N, C-alpha and C. Protein backbone atom coordinates (compact mmCIF):
# COMPACT_ATOMS: atom_id res chain seq x y z
N MET A 1 -13.48 14.02 -50.71
CA MET A 1 -13.68 13.76 -49.04
C MET A 1 -13.40 15.23 -48.40
N GLY A 2 -15.24 15.48 -48.49
CA GLY A 2 -15.62 17.14 -47.58
C GLY A 2 -14.68 17.19 -46.31
N THR A 3 -14.63 18.55 -45.65
CA THR A 3 -13.77 19.17 -44.56
C THR A 3 -14.30 17.82 -43.60
N THR A 4 -15.72 17.97 -42.79
CA THR A 4 -16.60 17.00 -42.30
C THR A 4 -15.78 15.47 -42.07
N ASN A 5 -15.69 15.44 -42.92
CA ASN A 5 -15.59 13.83 -43.16
C ASN A 5 -14.05 13.69 -42.83
N SER A 6 -13.39 14.33 -42.94
CA SER A 6 -12.06 14.35 -42.94
C SER A 6 -11.49 14.74 -41.52
N LYS A 7 -12.32 15.82 -40.67
CA LYS A 7 -12.05 16.13 -39.78
C LYS A 7 -12.50 14.42 -38.49
N ARG A 8 -13.40 13.73 -39.30
CA ARG A 8 -14.56 12.80 -38.26
C ARG A 8 -13.40 11.73 -38.60
N VAL A 9 -12.16 10.92 -39.64
CA VAL A 9 -11.75 10.32 -39.95
C VAL A 9 -10.59 10.57 -39.03
N ALA A 10 -10.09 11.89 -38.97
CA ALA A 10 -8.56 12.10 -38.21
C ALA A 10 -8.97 11.77 -36.59
N ARG A 11 -10.11 11.93 -36.22
CA ARG A 11 -10.28 11.73 -34.99
C ARG A 11 -10.39 10.58 -34.16
N PHE A 12 -10.92 9.75 -35.61
CA PHE A 12 -11.25 8.03 -35.37
C PHE A 12 -9.71 7.58 -35.67
N LYS A 13 -8.59 8.49 -35.97
CA LYS A 13 -7.35 7.42 -36.12
C LYS A 13 -6.79 8.08 -34.93
N ARG A 14 -7.02 9.27 -34.10
CA ARG A 14 -6.02 9.63 -32.74
C ARG A 14 -6.70 8.86 -31.33
N LYS A 15 -7.86 8.30 -31.68
CA LYS A 15 -9.01 7.42 -30.94
C LYS A 15 -8.27 5.99 -30.44
N VAL A 16 -7.95 5.50 -31.92
CA VAL A 16 -7.43 4.02 -32.24
C VAL A 16 -5.82 4.79 -31.08
N ARG A 17 -5.26 4.94 -31.91
CA ARG A 17 -4.02 5.54 -31.12
C ARG A 17 -3.88 5.76 -29.76
N ILE A 18 -4.57 6.54 -29.18
CA ILE A 18 -4.78 6.43 -27.73
C ILE A 18 -5.00 4.83 -27.02
N ARG A 19 -6.34 4.67 -27.46
CA ARG A 19 -6.89 3.48 -27.07
C ARG A 19 -5.87 2.07 -27.20
N GLN A 20 -4.70 2.17 -28.19
CA GLN A 20 -4.03 1.42 -27.79
C GLN A 20 -3.36 1.57 -26.61
N ARG A 21 -3.01 2.52 -25.92
CA ARG A 21 -2.43 2.67 -24.81
C ARG A 21 -2.78 2.18 -23.68
N ILE A 22 -4.63 3.14 -23.56
CA ILE A 22 -5.31 3.31 -22.38
C ILE A 22 -5.98 1.80 -21.99
N ARG A 23 -5.61 1.29 -21.21
CA ARG A 23 -6.77 0.71 -20.38
C ARG A 23 -7.70 0.89 -19.01
N GLY A 24 -9.01 0.63 -19.12
CA GLY A 24 -9.37 0.69 -18.02
C GLY A 24 -9.41 -0.65 -16.93
N THR A 25 -9.27 -0.61 -15.60
CA THR A 25 -9.12 -1.78 -14.87
C THR A 25 -10.48 -1.35 -13.77
N ALA A 26 -10.39 -2.74 -13.10
CA ALA A 26 -11.61 -2.00 -12.01
C ALA A 26 -10.88 -1.22 -10.57
N ASP A 27 -9.35 -1.28 -10.55
CA ASP A 27 -8.94 -0.57 -9.95
C ASP A 27 -8.59 1.10 -10.31
N LYS A 28 -8.00 0.87 -11.63
CA LYS A 28 -8.54 2.07 -12.58
C LYS A 28 -8.79 2.46 -13.44
N PRO A 29 -9.93 2.65 -13.63
CA PRO A 29 -11.10 2.82 -14.76
C PRO A 29 -10.55 3.87 -15.52
N ARG A 30 -11.14 4.02 -16.98
CA ARG A 30 -10.85 4.75 -17.70
C ARG A 30 -11.96 6.03 -17.76
N LEU A 31 -11.74 7.12 -17.62
CA LEU A 31 -12.95 8.27 -17.75
C LEU A 31 -12.56 8.49 -19.22
N SER A 32 -13.67 8.60 -20.03
CA SER A 32 -14.06 9.01 -21.42
C SER A 32 -14.87 10.10 -21.57
N VAL A 33 -14.63 10.74 -22.47
CA VAL A 33 -15.01 12.03 -22.51
C VAL A 33 -15.68 12.23 -24.23
N PHE A 34 -16.77 12.50 -24.32
CA PHE A 34 -17.00 12.77 -25.73
C PHE A 34 -18.19 14.16 -25.45
N ARG A 35 -17.73 14.95 -26.84
CA ARG A 35 -18.10 16.36 -27.04
C ARG A 35 -19.04 16.03 -28.29
N SER A 36 -20.44 16.51 -28.45
CA SER A 36 -20.38 17.29 -29.34
C SER A 36 -20.80 18.11 -29.40
N ALA A 37 -21.46 19.27 -30.75
CA ALA A 37 -21.69 20.49 -31.01
C ALA A 37 -22.14 21.29 -29.31
N LYS A 38 -22.94 20.60 -29.36
CA LYS A 38 -23.93 21.32 -28.50
C LYS A 38 -23.87 20.65 -26.78
N HIS A 39 -23.64 19.68 -26.78
CA HIS A 39 -23.80 18.32 -25.95
C HIS A 39 -22.20 18.37 -25.02
N ILE A 40 -22.52 17.37 -23.55
CA ILE A 40 -20.97 16.59 -23.79
C ILE A 40 -21.46 15.83 -22.14
N SER A 41 -20.96 14.57 -22.79
CA SER A 41 -21.13 13.46 -21.55
C SER A 41 -19.61 12.25 -21.18
N ALA A 42 -19.83 11.97 -20.40
CA ALA A 42 -18.75 11.70 -19.92
C ALA A 42 -19.21 9.98 -18.56
N GLN A 43 -18.16 9.13 -18.99
CA GLN A 43 -18.17 8.02 -18.53
C GLN A 43 -17.08 7.15 -17.67
N VAL A 44 -17.01 6.62 -16.79
CA VAL A 44 -15.94 5.39 -16.51
C VAL A 44 -16.10 4.38 -16.69
N ILE A 45 -15.35 3.77 -17.17
CA ILE A 45 -15.64 2.34 -17.81
C ILE A 45 -14.66 1.00 -17.29
N ASP A 46 -14.99 -0.07 -16.73
CA ASP A 46 -14.03 -0.87 -16.56
C ASP A 46 -13.75 -1.94 -17.99
N ASP A 47 -12.73 -1.76 -18.87
CA ASP A 47 -12.75 -2.66 -19.43
C ASP A 47 -12.45 -3.81 -19.31
N ILE A 48 -11.73 -4.44 -18.74
CA ILE A 48 -11.70 -5.93 -18.34
C ILE A 48 -13.07 -6.82 -18.08
N ALA A 49 -14.05 -5.96 -17.19
CA ALA A 49 -15.49 -6.59 -17.04
C ALA A 49 -16.15 -5.47 -18.39
N GLY A 50 -15.92 -4.73 -19.52
CA GLY A 50 -16.62 -4.06 -19.95
C GLY A 50 -18.24 -3.62 -19.60
N LYS A 51 -18.11 -2.95 -18.77
CA LYS A 51 -19.07 -2.25 -17.93
C LYS A 51 -18.74 -1.12 -17.79
N THR A 52 -19.86 0.02 -17.78
CA THR A 52 -19.68 1.03 -17.45
C THR A 52 -20.66 1.54 -16.09
N LEU A 53 -19.03 1.88 -15.26
CA LEU A 53 -19.44 1.88 -13.46
C LEU A 53 -20.30 3.62 -12.90
N VAL A 54 -20.48 4.49 -14.25
CA VAL A 54 -21.11 5.69 -13.83
C VAL A 54 -21.00 6.46 -15.11
N ALA A 55 -22.14 7.61 -15.35
CA ALA A 55 -22.38 8.37 -16.31
C ALA A 55 -22.82 9.38 -16.41
N ALA A 56 -21.99 10.68 -16.96
CA ALA A 56 -22.95 11.90 -16.75
C ALA A 56 -22.93 12.94 -17.97
N SER A 57 -23.95 13.07 -18.56
CA SER A 57 -24.27 13.77 -19.37
C SER A 57 -25.02 15.21 -19.35
N SER A 58 -24.59 16.15 -20.38
CA SER A 58 -25.82 17.21 -20.38
C SER A 58 -27.05 17.26 -20.89
N LEU A 59 -27.45 16.06 -20.85
CA LEU A 59 -28.93 15.17 -21.63
C LEU A 59 -29.49 15.34 -20.82
N GLU A 60 -29.19 14.94 -19.15
CA GLU A 60 -30.08 14.32 -18.42
C GLU A 60 -30.83 15.81 -17.63
N LYS A 61 -32.22 15.05 -17.15
CA LYS A 61 -32.96 15.65 -16.91
C LYS A 61 -32.38 16.95 -16.01
N GLU A 62 -31.52 16.75 -14.66
CA GLU A 62 -31.40 17.26 -13.47
C GLU A 62 -30.10 18.33 -14.20
N VAL A 63 -29.49 18.00 -14.96
CA VAL A 63 -28.76 18.87 -15.67
C VAL A 63 -29.42 19.82 -16.51
N ARG A 64 -30.30 19.73 -17.29
CA ARG A 64 -31.11 20.09 -18.12
C ARG A 64 -30.85 21.47 -17.81
N GLY A 65 -32.03 21.00 -16.42
CA GLY A 65 -33.17 21.64 -15.78
C GLY A 65 -32.07 23.62 -15.12
N GLN A 66 -30.69 22.71 -14.89
CA GLN A 66 -29.75 23.89 -14.85
C GLN A 66 -28.69 24.28 -15.74
N GLN A 67 -28.79 24.06 -16.65
CA GLN A 67 -28.31 24.82 -18.13
C GLN A 67 -28.45 26.22 -18.23
N PRO A 68 -29.94 27.18 -18.53
CA PRO A 68 -29.51 28.29 -18.00
C PRO A 68 -28.44 29.07 -17.18
N SER A 69 -28.16 28.70 -15.94
CA SER A 69 -27.31 29.06 -15.01
C SER A 69 -25.94 29.03 -15.49
N PHE A 70 -25.63 28.48 -16.46
CA PHE A 70 -24.05 28.02 -17.35
C PHE A 70 -24.05 29.41 -18.45
N GLU A 71 -22.90 29.88 -18.28
CA GLU A 71 -22.42 31.21 -18.88
C GLU A 71 -22.12 30.78 -20.26
N ASN A 72 -21.25 29.72 -20.23
CA ASN A 72 -21.29 29.07 -21.63
C ASN A 72 -20.94 27.24 -21.73
N LYS A 73 -20.87 26.18 -22.34
CA LYS A 73 -20.54 25.57 -22.62
C LYS A 73 -19.36 24.96 -21.93
N THR A 74 -18.20 25.57 -21.67
CA THR A 74 -17.17 25.29 -20.84
C THR A 74 -17.54 24.96 -19.63
N ALA A 75 -18.15 26.03 -18.95
CA ALA A 75 -18.19 26.03 -17.43
C ALA A 75 -20.04 24.79 -17.38
N LEU A 76 -20.57 24.05 -18.31
CA LEU A 76 -21.21 23.14 -18.72
C LEU A 76 -20.22 22.03 -18.27
N ALA A 77 -19.09 22.03 -18.90
CA ALA A 77 -18.45 20.67 -19.04
C ALA A 77 -17.72 20.47 -17.66
N THR A 78 -17.35 21.83 -17.15
CA THR A 78 -16.92 21.76 -15.83
C THR A 78 -18.23 21.15 -14.80
N PHE A 79 -18.98 21.49 -14.77
CA PHE A 79 -20.05 20.59 -14.08
C PHE A 79 -20.28 19.35 -14.13
N ILE A 80 -19.92 19.19 -15.54
CA ILE A 80 -19.90 17.43 -15.61
C ILE A 80 -19.14 16.99 -15.25
N GLY A 81 -17.84 17.59 -15.37
CA GLY A 81 -16.67 16.98 -14.96
C GLY A 81 -16.77 16.66 -13.21
N LYS A 82 -17.00 17.52 -12.82
CA LYS A 82 -17.86 17.42 -11.12
C LYS A 82 -18.64 16.54 -10.59
N LEU A 83 -19.70 16.10 -11.28
CA LEU A 83 -20.68 15.15 -11.77
C LEU A 83 -20.22 14.42 -11.50
N ILE A 84 -19.73 13.85 -12.60
CA ILE A 84 -18.83 12.13 -12.50
C ILE A 84 -17.65 11.91 -11.88
N ALA A 85 -16.65 13.02 -11.14
CA ALA A 85 -16.24 12.77 -9.89
C ALA A 85 -16.86 12.32 -8.54
N GLU A 86 -18.08 12.98 -8.61
CA GLU A 86 -19.21 13.08 -7.33
C GLU A 86 -19.59 11.23 -7.84
N ARG A 87 -20.17 10.98 -8.39
CA ARG A 87 -20.62 10.11 -8.32
C ARG A 87 -19.75 8.69 -8.65
N ALA A 88 -18.62 9.01 -9.45
CA ALA A 88 -17.25 7.42 -8.98
C ALA A 88 -17.37 7.33 -7.57
N GLN A 89 -16.98 8.78 -6.75
CA GLN A 89 -16.17 8.57 -5.67
C GLN A 89 -17.68 8.04 -4.88
N GLU A 90 -18.96 8.29 -4.96
CA GLU A 90 -20.10 7.33 -4.46
C GLU A 90 -19.38 5.30 -4.68
N LYS A 91 -19.41 5.64 -6.03
CA LYS A 91 -19.27 4.07 -6.23
C LYS A 91 -17.49 3.67 -6.00
N GLY A 92 -17.01 4.25 -4.82
CA GLY A 92 -15.38 3.80 -4.61
C GLY A 92 -14.38 4.27 -5.34
N VAL A 93 -15.05 4.98 -6.56
CA VAL A 93 -13.48 4.75 -7.42
C VAL A 93 -12.87 6.51 -7.08
N ARG A 94 -11.30 6.31 -6.76
CA ARG A 94 -10.93 7.30 -6.71
C ARG A 94 -9.49 8.01 -7.36
N GLN A 95 -9.13 6.47 -8.27
CA GLN A 95 -8.07 6.95 -9.54
C GLN A 95 -9.33 7.01 -11.25
N VAL A 96 -8.92 7.70 -12.30
CA VAL A 96 -8.82 7.06 -13.42
C VAL A 96 -7.89 6.95 -14.29
N VAL A 97 -8.00 6.82 -15.07
CA VAL A 97 -7.21 7.25 -16.60
C VAL A 97 -8.26 7.87 -17.43
N PHE A 98 -7.32 8.84 -17.80
CA PHE A 98 -8.28 9.94 -18.89
C PHE A 98 -8.25 9.67 -20.03
N ASP A 99 -9.37 8.86 -20.90
CA ASP A 99 -9.47 9.31 -22.40
C ASP A 99 -9.99 9.89 -22.97
N ARG A 100 -9.25 11.06 -23.74
CA ARG A 100 -9.79 12.54 -24.51
C ARG A 100 -10.96 11.52 -25.50
N ASN A 101 -10.66 10.37 -25.73
CA ASN A 101 -11.93 10.40 -26.94
C ASN A 101 -11.37 10.58 -28.77
N GLY A 102 -10.53 10.97 -28.60
CA GLY A 102 -9.64 11.64 -29.71
C GLY A 102 -9.40 12.85 -29.84
N PHE A 103 -10.93 13.62 -28.77
CA PHE A 103 -10.31 14.99 -29.42
C PHE A 103 -9.32 15.55 -28.68
N LEU A 104 -8.94 16.67 -28.85
CA LEU A 104 -7.47 17.85 -28.48
C LEU A 104 -8.13 18.02 -26.84
N TYR A 105 -6.99 17.44 -26.28
CA TYR A 105 -7.27 18.15 -24.56
C TYR A 105 -6.85 19.88 -24.44
N HIS A 106 -8.44 20.20 -24.90
CA HIS A 106 -8.57 21.32 -24.94
C HIS A 106 -9.84 22.25 -24.82
N GLY A 107 -10.31 23.47 -24.44
CA GLY A 107 -11.66 23.89 -24.43
C GLY A 107 -12.34 22.67 -23.30
N ARG A 108 -13.53 22.01 -23.57
CA ARG A 108 -14.63 21.83 -22.83
C ARG A 108 -13.69 20.69 -22.63
N VAL A 109 -12.98 19.76 -22.92
CA VAL A 109 -12.24 18.14 -22.62
C VAL A 109 -11.83 18.04 -21.67
N LYS A 110 -10.56 20.04 -21.72
CA LYS A 110 -9.83 19.92 -20.55
C LYS A 110 -10.35 20.36 -19.17
N ALA A 111 -12.45 21.19 -19.51
CA ALA A 111 -12.78 21.36 -18.56
C ALA A 111 -13.00 20.58 -17.88
N VAL A 112 -13.79 19.52 -18.15
CA VAL A 112 -14.40 17.87 -17.31
C VAL A 112 -13.24 17.34 -16.91
N SER A 113 -12.12 17.32 -17.80
CA SER A 113 -10.76 16.43 -16.47
C SER A 113 -10.45 17.85 -15.17
N GLU A 114 -10.94 19.53 -15.54
CA GLU A 114 -10.48 19.79 -14.68
C GLU A 114 -11.52 19.78 -13.59
N GLY A 115 -12.67 19.89 -13.87
CA GLY A 115 -13.62 19.42 -13.07
C GLY A 115 -13.80 18.31 -12.09
N ALA A 116 -13.15 17.61 -12.79
CA ALA A 116 -13.30 16.08 -12.15
C ALA A 116 -12.05 16.22 -11.14
N ARG A 117 -11.10 16.96 -10.98
CA ARG A 117 -9.83 16.76 -10.58
C ARG A 117 -10.05 18.16 -9.09
N GLU A 118 -11.01 18.74 -9.86
CA GLU A 118 -11.73 19.67 -8.35
C GLU A 118 -12.44 19.02 -7.65
N ALA A 119 -13.00 17.79 -7.98
CA ALA A 119 -13.70 17.56 -6.90
C ALA A 119 -13.22 16.01 -6.47
N GLY A 120 -11.89 15.71 -6.18
CA GLY A 120 -11.27 15.18 -5.90
C GLY A 120 -11.02 13.68 -6.67
N LEU A 121 -10.86 13.37 -7.96
CA LEU A 121 -10.69 12.56 -8.57
C LEU A 121 -9.06 12.76 -9.00
N LYS A 122 -8.44 11.37 -9.03
CA LYS A 122 -7.02 11.11 -9.29
C LYS A 122 -6.31 10.55 -10.35
N PHE A 123 -6.32 11.45 -11.88
CA PHE A 123 -5.57 10.94 -12.74
C PHE A 123 -4.05 11.99 -13.35
């Protein structure tokens, strides 16, 4: 088993463990974060209805147009956190449950949560 595969398996195991305890409801949806080597995305999900309420990603046109202005990927992640919080508040969502999706709460994942908190989302 290669290093890459074992990392993926370990993240999946963490993800399953976390998701056993976390559920998003209509009152308090789940803020799920995904990061790849280059990009980061977040979505607010109501698990009971099985619907994504809002989403934000570094792949969107409006974000990609601003990308040269970010000094690093962590600054981009903070911006995505603020963007998802603004969009969630427009939909009437004030509180969420944070789902780090098996990633360690560190670096870009932490930056998304801090950006969302700065923009007024509570969790």
